[in-house]
Amino acid sequence: MPKRVCVGIVKSDKMAKTRRVEIPRVVRHAKYNKILRRTTVCHVHDENNDSHVGDTVEIVESRPRSKTKSWELVRVVSKSRLVDLVAMRTAAKLDADATP
């Protein structure tokens, strides 16, 4: 049986060698026919810690590595373009303090 391959977005990288990836999908309600947005959450094994929050990644199904982790990272499709505002403000404050 072939392994499933999915593309999702990394939502958390706080764990060592593990990423929380959300895969968005659209479903239709059975009774009301309203279109609903749903997300599937997968815990992914990232051996080299290549991905970070906001990155789009390709994952593949694998053997269970723990209670919740049964996916592996194949590749990072695109890097995140998020800006760390806290780091920018801290750097700006340090520059302002250093200038006499």
PDB file of N, CA and C in Angstrom:
ATOM      1  N   MET A   1       0.836  -1.178   0.000  1.00  0.00           N
ATOM      2  CA  MET A   1       0.000   0.000   0.000  1.00  0.00           C
ATOM      3  C   MET A   1       0.882   1.244   0.000  1.00  0.00           C
ATOM      4  N   PRO A   2       0.634   2.203  -0.879  1.00  0.00           N
ATOM      5  CA  PRO A   2       1.489   3.390  -0.952  1.00  0.00           C
ATOM      6  C   PRO A   2       1.324   4.278   0.272  1.00  0.00           C
ATOM      7  N   LYS A   3       2.394   5.007   0.564  1.00  0.00           N
ATOM      8  CA  LYS A   3       2.366   5.919   1.699  1.00  0.00           C
ATOM      9  C   LYS A   3       1.708   7.223   1.276  1.00  0.00           C
ATOM     10  N   ARG A   4       0.943   7.817   2.192  1.00  0.00           N
ATOM     11  CA  ARG A   4       0.298   9.086   1.901  1.00  0.00           C
ATOM     12  C   ARG A   4       1.330  10.217   1.950  1.00  0.00           C
ATOM     13  N   VAL A   5       1.207  11.155   1.035  1.00  0.00           N
ATOM     14  CA  VAL A   5       2.056  12.334   0.982  1.00  0.00           C
ATOM     15  C   VAL A   5       1.149  13.554   1.081  1.00  0.00           C
ATOM     16  N   CYS A   6       1.456  14.479   1.996  1.00  0.00           N
ATOM     17  CA  CYS A   6       0.633  15.672   2.204  1.00  0.00           C
ATOM     18  C   CYS A   6       1.519  16.900   2.264  1.00  0.00           C
ATOM     19  N   VAL A   7       0.906  18.049   2.028  1.00  0.00           N
ATOM     20  CA  VAL A   7       1.588  19.333   2.159  1.00  0.00           C
ATOM     21  C   VAL A   7       0.836  20.144   3.196  1.00  0.00           C
ATOM     22  N   GLY A   8       1.585  20.692   4.170  1.00  0.00           N
ATOM     23  CA  GLY A   8       0.959  21.469   5.235  1.00  0.00           C
ATOM     24  C   GLY A   8       1.857  22.588   5.708  1.00  0.00           C
ATOM     25  N   ILE A   9       1.395  23.289   6.729  1.00  0.00           N
ATOM     26  CA  ILE A   9       2.110  24.447   7.272  1.00  0.00           C
ATOM     27  C   ILE A   9       2.537  24.137   8.695  1.00  0.00           C
ATOM     28  N   VAL A  10       3.797  24.422   9.017  1.00  0.00           N
ATOM     29  CA  VAL A  10       4.325  24.198  10.359  1.00  0.00           C
ATOM     30  C   VAL A  10       3.738  25.250  11.299  1.00  0.00           C
ATOM     31  N   LYS A  11       3.078  24.802  12.366  1.00  0.00           N
ATOM     32  CA  LYS A  11       2.476  25.711  13.333  1.00  0.00           C
ATOM     33  C   LYS A  11       3.251  25.773  14.637  1.00  0.00           C
ATOM     34  N   SER A  12       4.090  24.768  14.922  1.00  0.00           N
ATOM     35  CA  SER A  12       4.875  24.777  16.150  1.00  0.00           C
ATOM     36  C   SER A  12       6.185  24.043  15.916  1.00  0.00           C
ATOM     37  N   ASP A  13       7.280  24.636  16.421  1.00  0.00           N
ATOM     38  CA  ASP A  13       8.589  23.976  16.344  1.00  0.00           C
ATOM     39  C   ASP A  13       9.267  23.987  17.706  1.00  0.00           C
ATOM     40  N   LYS A  14       8.484  23.937  18.775  1.00  0.00           N
ATOM     41  CA  LYS A  14       9.024  24.028  20.130  1.00  0.00           C
ATOM     42  C   LYS A  14       9.634  22.718  20.609  1.00  0.00           C
ATOM     43  N   MET A  15       9.264  21.596  19.995  1.00  0.00           N
ATOM     44  CA  MET A  15       9.780  20.293  20.404  1.00  0.00           C
ATOM     45  C   MET A  15      11.035  19.961  19.600  1.00  0.00           C
ATOM     46  N   ALA A  16      11.944  19.232  20.211  1.00  0.00           N
ATOM     47  CA  ALA A  16      13.168  18.832  19.525  1.00  0.00           C
ATOM     48  C   ALA A  16      12.860  17.735  18.521  1.00  0.00           C
ATOM     49  N   LYS A  17      13.233  17.949  17.265  1.00  0.00           N
ATOM     50  CA  LYS A  17      13.064  16.995  16.164  1.00  0.00           C
ATOM     51  C   LYS A  17      11.604  16.657  15.871  1.00  0.00           C
ATOM     52  N   THR A  18      10.674  17.472  16.347  1.00  0.00           N
ATOM     53  CA  THR A  18       9.253  17.245  16.091  1.00  0.00           C
ATOM     54  C   THR A  18       8.609  18.551  15.690  1.00  0.00           C
ATOM     55  N   ARG A  19       7.741  18.501  14.692  1.00  0.00           N
ATOM     56  CA  ARG A  19       7.010  19.679  14.237  1.00  0.00           C
ATOM     57  C   ARG A  19       5.522  19.358  14.255  1.00  0.00           C
ATOM     58  N   ARG A  20       4.719  20.381  14.552  1.00  0.00           N
ATOM     59  CA  ARG A  20       3.267  20.249  14.506  1.00  0.00           C
ATOM     60  C   ARG A  20       2.827  20.884  13.193  1.00  0.00           C
ATOM     61  N   VAL A  21       2.322  20.071  12.284  1.00  0.00           N
ATOM     62  CA  VAL A  21       1.954  20.530  10.950  1.00  0.00           C
ATOM     63  C   VAL A  21       0.440  20.456  10.804  1.00  0.00           C
ATOM     64  N   GLU A  22      -0.156  21.533  10.302  1.00  0.00           N
ATOM     65  CA  GLU A  22      -1.584  21.566  10.049  1.00  0.00           C
ATOM     66  C   GLU A  22      -1.833  21.487   8.543  1.00  0.00           C
ATOM     67  N   ILE A  23      -2.744  20.589   8.164  1.00  0.00           N
ATOM     68  CA  ILE A  23      -3.101  20.401   6.765  1.00  0.00           C
ATOM     69  C   ILE A  23      -4.529  20.907   6.585  1.00  0.00           C
ATOM     70  N   PRO A  24      -4.717  22.019   5.862  1.00  0.00           N
ATOM     71  CA  PRO A  24      -6.075  22.542   5.690  1.00  0.00           C
ATOM     72  C   PRO A  24      -6.865  21.710   4.686  1.00  0.00           C
ATOM     73  N   ARG A  25      -8.180  21.610   4.915  1.00  0.00           N
ATOM     74  CA  ARG A  25      -9.057  20.914   3.979  1.00  0.00           C
ATOM     75  C   ARG A  25     -10.429  21.576   4.028  1.00  0.00           C
ATOM     76  N   VAL A  26     -11.217  21.343   3.013  1.00  0.00           N
ATOM     77  CA  VAL A  26     -12.556  21.916   2.909  1.00  0.00           C
ATOM     78  C   VAL A  26     -13.548  20.767   2.813  1.00  0.00           C
ATOM     79  N   VAL A  27     -14.584  20.805   3.673  1.00  0.00           N
ATOM     80  CA  VAL A  27     -15.609  19.761   3.657  1.00  0.00           C
ATOM     81  C   VAL A  27     -16.981  20.407   3.557  1.00  0.00           C
ATOM     82  N   ARG A  28     -17.931  19.643   3.069  1.00  0.00           N
ATOM     83  CA  ARG A  28     -19.308  20.123   2.966  1.00  0.00           C
ATOM     84  C   ARG A  28     -20.138  19.449   4.054  1.00  0.00           C
ATOM     85  N   HIS A  29     -20.906  20.247   4.778  1.00  0.00           N
ATOM     86  CA  HIS A  29     -21.759  19.720   5.829  1.00  0.00           C
ATOM     87  C   HIS A  29     -22.809  18.803   5.199  1.00  0.00           C
ATOM     88  N   ALA A  30     -23.050  17.636   5.806  1.00  0.00           N
ATOM     89  CA  ALA A  30     -23.933  16.631   5.215  1.00  0.00           C
ATOM     90  C   ALA A  30     -25.379  17.105   5.113  1.00  0.00           C
ATOM     91  N   LYS A  31     -25.855  17.804   6.131  1.00  0.00           N
ATOM     92  CA  LYS A  31     -27.258  18.210   6.146  1.00  0.00           C
ATOM     93  C   LYS A  31     -27.483  19.586   5.530  1.00  0.00           C
ATOM     94  N   TYR A  32     -26.648  20.551   5.896  1.00  0.00           N
ATOM     95  CA  TYR A  32     -26.886  21.933   5.491  1.00  0.00           C
ATOM     96  C   TYR A  32     -26.118  22.361   4.240  1.00  0.00           C
ATOM     97  N   ASN A  33     -25.217  21.534   3.751  1.00  0.00           N
ATOM     98  CA  ASN A  33     -24.430  21.797   2.543  1.00  0.00           C
ATOM     99  C   ASN A  33     -23.553  23.043   2.642  1.00  0.00           C
ATOM    100  N   LYS A  34     -23.308  23.496   3.852  1.00  0.00           N
ATOM    101  CA  LYS A  34     -22.409  24.636   4.031  1.00  0.00           C
ATOM    102  C   LYS A  34     -20.972  24.146   3.912  1.00  0.00           C
ATOM    103  N   ILE A  35     -20.126  24.948   3.279  1.00  0.00           N
ATOM    104  CA  ILE A  35     -18.723  24.578   3.135  1.00  0.00           C
ATOM    105  C   ILE A  35     -17.980  25.015   4.392  1.00  0.00           C
ATOM    106  N   LEU A  36     -17.253  24.076   5.000  1.00  0.00           N
ATOM    107  CA  LEU A  36     -16.548  24.310   6.253  1.00  0.00           C
ATOM    108  C   LEU A  36     -15.053  24.120   6.052  1.00  0.00           C
ATOM    109  N   ARG A  37     -14.269  24.931   6.725  1.00  0.00           N
ATOM    110  CA  ARG A  37     -12.812  24.770   6.710  1.00  0.00           C
ATOM    111  C   ARG A  37     -12.402  23.965   7.936  1.00  0.00           C
ATOM    112  N   ARG A  38     -11.625  22.946   7.729  1.00  0.00           N
ATOM    113  CA  ARG A  38     -11.136  22.097   8.801  1.00  0.00           C
ATOM    114  C   ARG A  38      -9.627  21.915   8.629  1.00  0.00           C
ATOM    115  N   THR A  39      -8.950  21.592   9.726  1.00  0.00           N
ATOM    116  CA  THR A  39      -7.521  21.313   9.659  1.00  0.00           C
ATOM    117  C   THR A  39      -7.236  19.963  10.300  1.00  0.00           C
ATOM    118  N   THR A  40      -6.308  19.253   9.707  1.00  0.00           N
ATOM    119  CA  THR A  40      -5.821  18.004  10.259  1.00  0.00           C
ATOM    120  C   THR A  40      -4.448  18.287  10.861  1.00  0.00           C
ATOM    121  N   VAL A  41      -4.241  17.863  12.098  1.00  0.00           N
ATOM    122  CA  VAL A  41      -2.972  18.109  12.790  1.00  0.00           C
ATOM    123  C   VAL A  41      -2.139  16.833  12.765  1.00  0.00           C
ATOM    124  N   CYS A  42      -0.893  16.954  12.316  1.00  0.00           N
ATOM    125  CA  CYS A  42       0.037  15.826  12.278  1.00  0.00           C
ATOM    126  C   CYS A  42       1.305  16.219  13.013  1.00  0.00           C
ATOM    127  N   HIS A  43       1.826  15.312  13.813  1.00  0.00           N
ATOM    128  CA  HIS A  43       3.128  15.520  14.427  1.00  0.00           C
ATOM    129  C   HIS A  43       4.152  14.835  13.522  1.00  0.00           C
ATOM    130  N   VAL A  44       5.172  15.597  13.123  1.00  0.00           N
ATOM    131  CA  VAL A  44       6.106  15.174  12.078  1.00  0.00           C
ATOM    132  C   VAL A  44       7.508  15.080  12.640  1.00  0.00           C
ATOM    133  N   HIS A  45       8.225  14.025  12.266  1.00  0.00           N
ATOM    134  CA  HIS A  45       9.618  13.860  12.676  1.00  0.00           C
ATOM    135  C   HIS A  45      10.517  14.648  11.726  1.00  0.00           C
ATOM    136  N   ASP A  46      11.295  15.564  12.295  1.00  0.00           N
ATOM    137  CA  ASP A  46      12.228  16.406  11.529  1.00  0.00           C
ATOM    138  C   ASP A  46      13.621  16.174  12.110  1.00  0.00           C
ATOM    139  N   GLU A  47      14.353  15.250  11.525  1.00  0.00           N
ATOM    140  CA  GLU A  47      15.635  14.807  12.081  1.00  0.00           C
ATOM    141  C   GLU A  47      16.646  15.942  12.239  1.00  0.00           C
ATOM    142  N   ASN A  48      16.748  16.829  11.250  1.00  0.00           N
ATOM    143  CA  ASN A  48      17.779  17.874  11.269  1.00  0.00           C
ATOM    144  C   ASN A  48      17.253  19.240  11.702  1.00  0.00           C
ATOM    145  N   ASN A  49      16.018  19.305  12.164  1.00  0.00           N
ATOM    146  CA  ASN A  49      15.401  20.579  12.560  1.00  0.00           C
ATOM    147  C   ASN A  49      15.469  21.599  11.433  1.00  0.00           C
ATOM    148  N   ASP A  50      15.101  21.169  10.218  1.00  0.00           N
ATOM    149  CA  ASP A  50      15.185  22.030   9.037  1.00  0.00           C
ATOM    150  C   ASP A  50      14.051  23.049   8.962  1.00  0.00           C
ATOM    151  N   SER A  51      12.875  22.691   9.450  1.00  0.00           N
ATOM    152  CA  SER A  51      11.709  23.560   9.285  1.00  0.00           C
ATOM    153  C   SER A  51      11.462  24.402  10.526  1.00  0.00           C
ATOM    154  N   HIS A  52      10.745  25.515  10.319  1.00  0.00           N
ATOM    155  CA  HIS A  52      10.400  26.429  11.400  1.00  0.00           C
ATOM    156  C   HIS A  52       8.967  26.892  11.206  1.00  0.00           C
ATOM    157  N   VAL A  53       8.460  27.656  12.173  1.00  0.00           N
ATOM    158  CA  VAL A  53       7.064  28.090  12.156  1.00  0.00           C
ATOM    159  C   VAL A  53       6.765  28.874  10.880  1.00  0.00           C
ATOM    160  N   GLY A  54       5.661  28.532  10.224  1.00  0.00           N
ATOM    161  CA  GLY A  54       5.236  29.221   9.019  1.00  0.00           C
ATOM    162  C   GLY A  54       5.708  28.601   7.725  1.00  0.00           C
ATOM    163  N   ASP A  55       6.654  27.680   7.783  1.00  0.00           N
ATOM    164  CA  ASP A  55       7.154  27.032   6.574  1.00  0.00           C
ATOM    165  C   ASP A  55       6.103  26.083   5.996  1.00  0.00           C
ATOM    166  N   THR A  56       6.064  25.987   4.681  1.00  0.00           N
ATOM    167  CA  THR A  56       5.229  24.999   4.005  1.00  0.00           C
ATOM    168  C   THR A  56       6.100  23.775   3.759  1.00  0.00           C
ATOM    169  N   VAL A  57       5.638  22.605   4.222  1.00  0.00           N
ATOM    170  CA  VAL A  57       6.458  21.398   4.156  1.00  0.00           C
ATOM    171  C   VAL A  57       5.690  20.256   3.500  1.00  0.00           C
ATOM    172  N   GLU A  58       6.453  19.327   2.947  1.00  0.00           N
ATOM    173  CA  GLU A  58       5.888  18.103   2.393  1.00  0.00           C
ATOM    174  C   GLU A  58       6.219  16.977   3.356  1.00  0.00           C
ATOM    175  N   ILE A  59       5.203  16.189   3.747  1.00  0.00           N
ATOM    176  CA  ILE A  59       5.401  15.116   4.712  1.00  0.00           C
ATOM    177  C   ILE A  59       4.899  13.808   4.129  1.00  0.00           C
ATOM    178  N   VAL A  60       5.432  12.704   4.657  1.00  0.00           N
ATOM    179  CA  VAL A  60       5.048  11.377   4.194  1.00  0.00           C
ATOM    180  C   VAL A  60       4.767  10.497   5.410  1.00  0.00           C
ATOM    181  N   GLU A  61       3.809   9.618   5.253  1.00  0.00           N
ATOM    182  CA  GLU A  61       3.444   8.706   6.326  1.00  0.00           C
ATOM    183  C   GLU A  61       4.594   7.736   6.594  1.00  0.00           C
ATOM    184  N   SER A  62       4.824   7.392   7.866  1.00  0.00           N
ATOM    185  CA  SER A  62       5.909   6.480   8.227  1.00  0.00           C
ATOM    186  C   SER A  62       5.460   5.590   9.373  1.00  0.00           C
ATOM    187  N   ARG A  63       6.357   4.778   9.847  1.00  0.00           N
ATOM    188  CA  ARG A  63       6.048   3.934  10.999  1.00  0.00           C
ATOM    189  C   ARG A  63       5.857   4.818  12.231  1.00  0.00           C
ATOM    190  N   PRO A  64       5.087   4.386  13.202  1.00  0.00           N
ATOM    191  CA  PRO A  64       4.910   5.195  14.405  1.00  0.00           C
ATOM    192  C   PRO A  64       6.221   5.333  15.178  1.00  0.00           C
ATOM    193  N   ARG A  65       6.604   6.571  15.467  1.00  0.00           N
ATOM    194  CA  ARG A  65       7.818   6.839  16.237  1.00  0.00           C
ATOM    195  C   ARG A  65       7.510   7.090  17.698  1.00  0.00           C
ATOM    196  N   SER A  66       6.284   7.476  17.987  1.00  0.00           N
ATOM    197  CA  SER A  66       5.831   7.680  19.364  1.00  0.00           C
ATOM    198  C   SER A  66       4.316   7.556  19.368  1.00  0.00           C
ATOM    199  N   LYS A  67       3.698   7.947  20.479  1.00  0.00           N
ATOM    200  CA  LYS A  67       2.244   7.824  20.594  1.00  0.00           C
ATOM    201  C   LYS A  67       1.514   8.649  19.537  1.00  0.00           C
ATOM    202  N   THR A  68       2.018   9.846  19.243  1.00  0.00           N
ATOM    203  CA  THR A  68       1.329  10.738  18.312  1.00  0.00           C
ATOM    204  C   THR A  68       2.076  10.964  16.998  1.00  0.00           C
ATOM    205  N   LYS A  69       3.342  10.605  16.932  1.00  0.00           N
ATOM    206  CA  LYS A  69       4.167  10.955  15.765  1.00  0.00           C
ATOM    207  C   LYS A  69       4.298   9.777  14.802  1.00  0.00           C
ATOM    208  N   SER A  70       3.685   9.921  13.598  1.00  0.00           N
ATOM    209  CA  SER A  70       3.787   8.860  12.594  1.00  0.00           C
ATOM    210  C   SER A  70       3.949   9.431  11.185  1.00  0.00           C
ATOM    211  N   TRP A  71       4.567  10.607  11.083  1.00  0.00           N
ATOM    212  CA  TRP A  71       4.865  11.240   9.796  1.00  0.00           C
ATOM    213  C   TRP A  71       6.322  11.679   9.800  1.00  0.00           C
ATOM    214  N   GLU A  72       6.918  11.772   8.598  1.00  0.00           N
ATOM    215  CA  GLU A  72       8.297  12.235   8.440  1.00  0.00           C
ATOM    216  C   GLU A  72       8.342  13.400   7.480  1.00  0.00           C
ATOM    217  N   LEU A  73       9.277  14.303   7.709  1.00  0.00           N
ATOM    218  CA  LEU A  73       9.481  15.445   6.829  1.00  0.00           C
ATOM    219  C   LEU A  73      10.234  14.990   5.582  1.00  0.00           C
ATOM    220  N   VAL A  74       9.700  15.336   4.408  1.00  0.00           N
ATOM    221  CA  VAL A  74      10.374  15.016   3.149  1.00  0.00           C
ATOM    222  C   VAL A  74      11.238  16.196   2.733  1.00  0.00           C
ATOM    223  N   ARG A  75      10.604  17.392   2.664  1.00  0.00           N
ATOM    224  CA  ARG A  75      11.338  18.581   2.254  1.00  0.00           C
ATOM    225  C   ARG A  75      10.558  19.823   2.663  1.00  0.00           C
ATOM    226  N   VAL A  76      11.273  20.924   2.711  1.00  0.00           N
ATOM    227  CA  VAL A  76      10.640  22.216   2.959  1.00  0.00           C
ATOM    228  C   VAL A  76      10.301  22.811   1.604  1.00  0.00           C
ATOM    229  N   VAL A  77       9.014  22.979   1.319  1.00  0.00           N
ATOM    230  CA  VAL A  77       8.578  23.480   0.019  1.00  0.00           C
ATOM    231  C   VAL A  77       8.896  24.960  -0.103  1.00  0.00           C
ATOM    232  N   SER A  78       8.537  25.745   0.932  1.00  0.00           N
ATOM    233  CA  SER A  78       8.859  27.176   0.917  1.00  0.00           C
ATOM    234  C   SER A  78       9.071  27.658   2.349  1.00  0.00           C
ATOM    235  N   LYS A  79      10.031  28.544   2.509  1.00  0.00           N
ATOM    236  CA  LYS A  79      10.342  29.088   3.820  1.00  0.00           C
ATOM    237  C   LYS A  79       9.339  30.176   4.173  1.00  0.00           C
ATOM    238  N   SER A  80       9.195  30.412   5.456  1.00  0.00           N
ATOM    239  CA  SER A  80       8.265  31.411   5.949  1.00  0.00           C
ATOM    240  C   SER A  80       8.792  32.813   5.682  1.00  0.00           C
ATOM    241  N   ARG A  81       7.871  33.742   5.484  1.00  0.00           N
ATOM    242  CA  ARG A  81       8.254  35.139   5.297  1.00  0.00           C
ATOM    243  C   ARG A  81       7.819  35.963   6.500  1.00  0.00           C
ATOM    244  N   LEU A  82       7.536  35.292   7.625  1.00  0.00           N
ATOM    245  CA  LEU A  82       7.133  35.984   8.842  1.00  0.00           C
ATOM    246  C   LEU A  82       8.290  36.795   9.400  1.00  0.00           C
ATOM    247  N   VAL A  83       7.960  37.905  10.032  1.00  0.00           N
ATOM    248  CA  VAL A  83       8.964  38.782  10.614  1.00  0.00           C
ATOM    249  C   VAL A  83       8.834  38.697  12.129  1.00  0.00           C
ATOM    250  N   ASP A  84       9.961  38.532  12.811  1.00  0.00           N
ATOM    251  CA  ASP A  84       9.959  38.483  14.270  1.00  0.00           C
ATOM    252  C   ASP A  84      10.007  39.913  14.799  1.00  0.00           C
ATOM    253  N   LEU A  85       8.843  40.440  15.176  1.00  0.00           N
ATOM    254  CA  LEU A  85       8.750  41.828  15.613  1.00  0.00           C
ATOM    255  C   LEU A  85       9.485  42.071  16.914  1.00  0.00           C
ATOM    256  N   VAL A  86       9.471  41.110  17.818  1.00  0.00           N
ATOM    257  CA  VAL A  86      10.146  41.282  19.101  1.00  0.00           C
ATOM    258  C   VAL A  86      11.649  41.443  18.892  1.00  0.00           C
ATOM    259  N   ALA A  87      12.217  40.619  18.024  1.00  0.00           N
ATOM    260  CA  ALA A  87      13.652  40.713  17.753  1.00  0.00           C
ATOM    261  C   ALA A  87      13.990  42.038  17.078  1.00  0.00           C
ATOM    262  N   MET A  88      13.131  42.504  16.167  1.00  0.00           N
ATOM    263  CA  MET A  88      13.386  43.781  15.497  1.00  0.00           C
ATOM    264  C   MET A  88      13.345  44.938  16.485  1.00  0.00           C
ATOM    265  N   ARG A  89      12.357  44.939  17.391  1.00  0.00           N
ATOM    266  CA  ARG A  89      12.251  46.012  18.374  1.00  0.00           C
ATOM    267  C   ARG A  89      13.420  46.001  19.343  1.00  0.00           C
ATOM    268  N   THR A  90      13.851  44.809  19.751  1.00  0.00           N
ATOM    269  CA  THR A  90      14.996  44.701  20.644  1.00  0.00           C
ATOM    270  C   THR A  90      16.254  45.219  19.963  1.00  0.00           C
ATOM    271  N   ALA A  91      16.461  44.855  18.692  1.00  0.00           N
ATOM    272  CA  ALA A  91      17.639  45.322  17.956  1.00  0.00           C
ATOM    273  C   ALA A  91      17.594  46.838  17.782  1.00  0.00           C
ATOM    274  N   ALA A  92      16.420  47.386  17.494  1.00  0.00           N
ATOM    275  CA  ALA A  92      16.291  48.836  17.337  1.00  0.00           C
ATOM    276  C   ALA A  92      16.572  49.550  18.643  1.00  0.00           C
ATOM    277  N   LYS A  93      16.097  48.978  19.739  1.00  0.00           N
ATOM    278  CA  LYS A  93      16.343  49.592  21.055  1.00  0.00           C
ATOM    279  C   LYS A  93      17.818  49.564  21.412  1.00  0.00           C
ATOM    280  N   LEU A  94      18.496  48.439  21.093  1.00  0.00           N
ATOM    281  CA  LEU A  94      19.925  48.336  21.366  1.00  0.00           C
ATOM    282  C   LEU A  94      20.709  49.334  20.528  1.00  0.00           C
ATOM    283  N   ASP A  95      20.311  49.527  19.268  1.00  0.00           N
ATOM    284  CA  ASP A  95      20.974  50.499  18.403  1.00  0.00           C
ATOM    285  C   ASP A  95      20.772  51.916  18.921  1.00  0.00           C
ATOM    286  N   ALA A  96      19.574  52.211  19.394  1.00  0.00           N
ATOM    287  CA  ALA A  96      19.283  53.550  19.916  1.00  0.00           C
ATOM    288  C   ALA A  96      20.056  53.819  21.190  1.00  0.00           C
ATOM    289  N   ASP A  97      20.213  52.812  22.032  1.00  0.00           N
ATOM    290  CA  ASP A  97      20.966  52.973  23.290  1.00  0.00           C
ATOM    291  C   ASP A  97      22.450  53.101  23.033  1.00  0.00           C
ATOM    292  N   ALA A  98      22.953  52.428  22.010  1.00  0.00           N
ATOM    293  CA  ALA A  98      24.389  52.468  21.708  1.00  0.00           C
ATOM    294  C   ALA A  98      24.807  53.779  21.089  1.00  0.00           C
ATOM    295  N   THR A  99      23.906  54.450  20.389  1.00  0.00           N
ATOM    296  CA  THR A  99      24.232  55.709  19.755  1.00  0.00           C
ATOM    297  C   THR A  99      24.199  56.842  20.790  1.00  0.00           C
ATOM    298  N   PRO A 100      25.303  57.603  20.935  1.00  0.00           N
ATOM    299  CA  PRO A 100      25.330  58.671  21.955  1.00  0.00           C
ATOM    300  C   PRO A 100      24.536  59.892  21.578  1.00  0.00           C
TER     301      PRO A 100
END
